N, C-alpha and C. Protein backbone atom coordinates (compact mmCIF):
# COMPACT_ATOMS: atom_id res chain seq x y z
N MET A 1 9.46 -151.68 -88.95
CA MET A 1 9.92 -152.79 -88.15
C MET A 1 8.78 -153.77 -87.91
N LYS A 2 9.18 -155.02 -87.79
CA LYS A 2 8.17 -156.03 -87.48
C LYS A 2 7.76 -155.89 -86.02
N THR A 3 6.51 -156.21 -85.74
CA THR A 3 6.02 -156.11 -84.37
C THR A 3 6.24 -157.42 -83.63
N ALA A 4 6.40 -157.31 -82.32
CA ALA A 4 6.49 -158.44 -81.38
C ALA A 4 7.73 -159.32 -81.57
N ILE A 5 8.81 -158.81 -82.21
CA ILE A 5 10.02 -159.62 -82.31
C ILE A 5 11.21 -158.96 -81.62
N HIS A 6 11.08 -157.71 -81.23
CA HIS A 6 12.18 -156.99 -80.62
C HIS A 6 12.09 -157.06 -79.10
N PRO A 7 13.26 -157.15 -78.42
CA PRO A 7 13.22 -157.19 -76.95
C PRO A 7 12.81 -155.83 -76.38
N GLU A 8 12.34 -155.86 -75.17
CA GLU A 8 11.91 -154.63 -74.50
C GLU A 8 13.12 -153.81 -74.09
N TYR A 9 13.13 -152.53 -74.37
CA TYR A 9 14.23 -151.61 -74.13
C TYR A 9 13.84 -150.68 -73.00
N THR A 10 14.39 -150.93 -71.80
CA THR A 10 13.96 -150.20 -70.62
C THR A 10 15.12 -149.48 -69.94
N ALA A 11 14.80 -148.64 -68.97
CA ALA A 11 15.82 -147.95 -68.17
C ALA A 11 16.55 -148.97 -67.31
N THR A 12 17.88 -148.85 -67.24
CA THR A 12 18.72 -149.80 -66.52
C THR A 12 19.75 -149.06 -65.70
N THR A 13 20.13 -149.63 -64.58
CA THR A 13 21.17 -149.08 -63.74
C THR A 13 22.38 -150.00 -63.81
N ILE A 14 23.55 -149.45 -64.12
CA ILE A 14 24.79 -150.21 -64.15
C ILE A 14 25.60 -149.78 -62.94
N VAL A 15 26.00 -150.74 -62.10
CA VAL A 15 26.74 -150.45 -60.89
C VAL A 15 28.11 -151.12 -60.99
N CYS A 16 29.17 -150.34 -60.78
CA CYS A 16 30.54 -150.86 -60.82
C CYS A 16 30.94 -151.34 -59.42
N ALA A 17 31.97 -152.15 -59.36
CA ALA A 17 32.48 -152.64 -58.07
C ALA A 17 33.02 -151.50 -57.22
N CYS A 18 33.47 -150.41 -57.85
CA CYS A 18 34.01 -149.27 -57.10
C CYS A 18 32.89 -148.39 -56.54
N GLY A 19 31.66 -148.62 -56.96
CA GLY A 19 30.52 -147.86 -56.43
C GLY A 19 29.94 -146.86 -57.40
N THR A 20 30.56 -146.66 -58.54
CA THR A 20 30.04 -145.72 -59.53
C THR A 20 28.75 -146.27 -60.15
N VAL A 21 27.76 -145.40 -60.32
CA VAL A 21 26.46 -145.81 -60.85
C VAL A 21 26.21 -145.08 -62.16
N TYR A 22 25.83 -145.82 -63.18
CA TYR A 22 25.48 -145.26 -64.49
C TYR A 22 24.01 -145.59 -64.76
N ASN A 23 23.25 -144.60 -65.17
CA ASN A 23 21.86 -144.81 -65.57
C ASN A 23 21.80 -144.75 -67.08
N THR A 24 21.26 -145.79 -67.69
CA THR A 24 21.19 -145.87 -69.15
C THR A 24 19.97 -146.69 -69.54
N ARG A 25 19.89 -147.03 -70.80
CA ARG A 25 18.79 -147.88 -71.29
C ARG A 25 19.40 -149.13 -71.90
N SER A 26 18.75 -150.27 -71.69
CA SER A 26 19.27 -151.53 -72.19
C SER A 26 18.16 -152.56 -72.27
N THR A 27 18.45 -153.67 -72.94
CA THR A 27 17.50 -154.77 -72.97
C THR A 27 17.64 -155.65 -71.75
N GLY A 28 18.75 -155.52 -71.00
CA GLY A 28 18.95 -156.28 -69.78
C GLY A 28 18.51 -155.51 -68.57
N ASP A 29 18.34 -156.24 -67.46
CA ASP A 29 17.97 -155.58 -66.21
C ASP A 29 19.22 -154.97 -65.58
N ASN A 30 19.11 -154.60 -64.33
CA ASN A 30 20.21 -153.95 -63.62
C ASN A 30 21.48 -154.79 -63.75
N LEU A 31 22.59 -154.14 -64.13
CA LEU A 31 23.84 -154.84 -64.39
C LEU A 31 24.89 -154.47 -63.35
N ARG A 32 25.76 -155.43 -63.03
CA ARG A 32 26.89 -155.18 -62.15
C ARG A 32 28.15 -155.50 -62.94
N ILE A 33 29.11 -154.55 -62.93
CA ILE A 33 30.35 -154.73 -63.66
C ILE A 33 31.52 -154.67 -62.69
N GLY A 34 32.67 -155.19 -63.12
CA GLY A 34 33.83 -155.25 -62.25
C GLY A 34 34.74 -154.06 -62.36
N ILE A 35 34.73 -153.38 -63.50
CA ILE A 35 35.63 -152.24 -63.70
C ILE A 35 34.97 -151.26 -64.66
N CYS A 36 35.19 -149.97 -64.43
CA CYS A 36 34.58 -148.94 -65.27
C CYS A 36 35.60 -147.85 -65.56
N ALA A 37 35.21 -146.82 -66.25
CA ALA A 37 36.11 -145.73 -66.60
C ALA A 37 36.56 -144.94 -65.37
N ALA A 38 35.79 -144.98 -64.30
CA ALA A 38 36.16 -144.24 -63.09
C ALA A 38 37.26 -144.93 -62.29
N CYS A 39 37.43 -146.26 -62.46
CA CYS A 39 38.42 -146.97 -61.67
C CYS A 39 39.44 -147.74 -62.52
N HIS A 40 39.31 -147.72 -63.84
CA HIS A 40 40.26 -148.43 -64.70
C HIS A 40 41.61 -147.70 -64.69
N PRO A 41 42.73 -148.43 -64.53
CA PRO A 41 44.04 -147.78 -64.44
C PRO A 41 44.40 -146.92 -65.65
N PHE A 42 43.97 -147.28 -66.84
CA PHE A 42 44.29 -146.49 -68.03
C PHE A 42 43.67 -145.10 -67.94
N TYR A 43 42.45 -145.00 -67.47
CA TYR A 43 41.75 -143.72 -67.41
C TYR A 43 42.10 -142.91 -66.17
N THR A 44 42.56 -143.56 -65.10
CA THR A 44 42.90 -142.84 -63.88
C THR A 44 44.35 -142.38 -63.85
N GLY A 45 45.16 -142.81 -64.84
CA GLY A 45 46.55 -142.40 -64.91
C GLY A 45 47.48 -143.25 -64.07
N GLN A 46 47.03 -144.37 -63.57
CA GLN A 46 47.85 -145.26 -62.76
C GLN A 46 48.29 -146.49 -63.53
N GLN A 47 48.35 -146.37 -64.84
CA GLN A 47 48.69 -147.50 -65.69
C GLN A 47 50.17 -147.84 -65.54
N LYS A 48 50.47 -149.15 -65.49
CA LYS A 48 51.85 -149.61 -65.41
C LYS A 48 52.29 -150.04 -66.80
N PHE A 49 53.48 -149.60 -67.21
CA PHE A 49 53.99 -149.96 -68.51
C PHE A 49 54.87 -151.20 -68.37
N VAL A 50 54.67 -152.16 -69.26
CA VAL A 50 55.41 -153.41 -69.23
C VAL A 50 56.67 -153.25 -70.06
N ASP A 51 57.77 -153.76 -69.56
CA ASP A 51 59.05 -153.67 -70.26
C ASP A 51 59.11 -154.76 -71.33
N THR A 52 58.56 -154.49 -72.50
CA THR A 52 58.55 -155.49 -73.56
C THR A 52 59.91 -155.63 -74.21
N ALA A 53 60.71 -154.57 -74.22
CA ALA A 53 62.04 -154.65 -74.83
C ALA A 53 62.90 -155.64 -74.06
N GLY A 54 62.80 -155.65 -72.75
CA GLY A 54 63.56 -156.60 -71.94
C GLY A 54 63.14 -158.03 -72.21
N ARG A 55 61.89 -158.27 -72.47
CA ARG A 55 61.41 -159.61 -72.78
C ARG A 55 61.95 -160.10 -74.11
N ILE A 56 62.00 -159.22 -75.08
CA ILE A 56 62.49 -159.59 -76.41
C ILE A 56 63.98 -159.92 -76.34
N GLU A 57 64.74 -159.11 -75.60
CA GLU A 57 66.17 -159.37 -75.45
C GLU A 57 66.41 -160.69 -74.73
N LYS A 58 65.62 -160.98 -73.72
CA LYS A 58 65.75 -162.24 -72.99
C LYS A 58 65.46 -163.43 -73.90
N PHE A 59 64.44 -163.30 -74.74
CA PHE A 59 64.10 -164.36 -75.70
C PHE A 59 65.24 -164.55 -76.70
N ALA A 60 65.82 -163.45 -77.20
CA ALA A 60 66.90 -163.54 -78.17
C ALA A 60 68.14 -164.19 -77.56
N ARG A 61 68.44 -163.88 -76.30
CA ARG A 61 69.59 -164.51 -75.64
C ARG A 61 69.35 -166.00 -75.45
N ARG A 62 68.14 -166.37 -75.09
CA ARG A 62 67.84 -167.77 -74.79
C ARG A 62 67.81 -168.63 -76.05
N TYR A 63 67.18 -168.16 -77.11
CA TYR A 63 66.97 -168.97 -78.29
C TYR A 63 67.79 -168.52 -79.49
N GLY A 64 68.61 -167.54 -79.36
CA GLY A 64 69.42 -167.05 -80.47
C GLY A 64 68.62 -166.11 -81.34
N LYS A 65 69.31 -165.38 -82.13
CA LYS A 65 68.65 -164.40 -83.00
C LYS A 65 67.96 -165.13 -84.15
N THR A 66 66.86 -164.57 -84.60
CA THR A 66 66.12 -165.16 -85.71
C THR A 66 66.70 -164.70 -87.04
N LYS A 67 66.31 -165.35 -88.11
CA LYS A 67 66.79 -164.97 -89.44
C LYS A 67 66.35 -163.55 -89.81
N ALA A 68 65.16 -163.15 -89.34
CA ALA A 68 64.65 -161.81 -89.65
C ALA A 68 65.48 -160.75 -88.93
N GLY A 69 66.09 -161.10 -87.81
CA GLY A 69 66.87 -160.14 -87.06
C GLY A 69 68.25 -159.92 -87.63
N LYS A 70 68.74 -160.83 -88.48
CA LYS A 70 70.10 -160.73 -89.03
C LYS A 70 70.21 -159.75 -90.15
């Protein structure tokens, strides 16, 4: 590797809005994030499923069926 062109890689603390703290290494200083694996709905099991089938049916009623649907 070439010398004096790479950023400094130091120990960093990442703090989430929920209070979870991760210790890692990074080129940036202490980081603050808004959501992490400890509070994200997908990982905590509180995920809400969107009714996409209802949206498609509403679109088809409003604008008629497409040629691909026939």
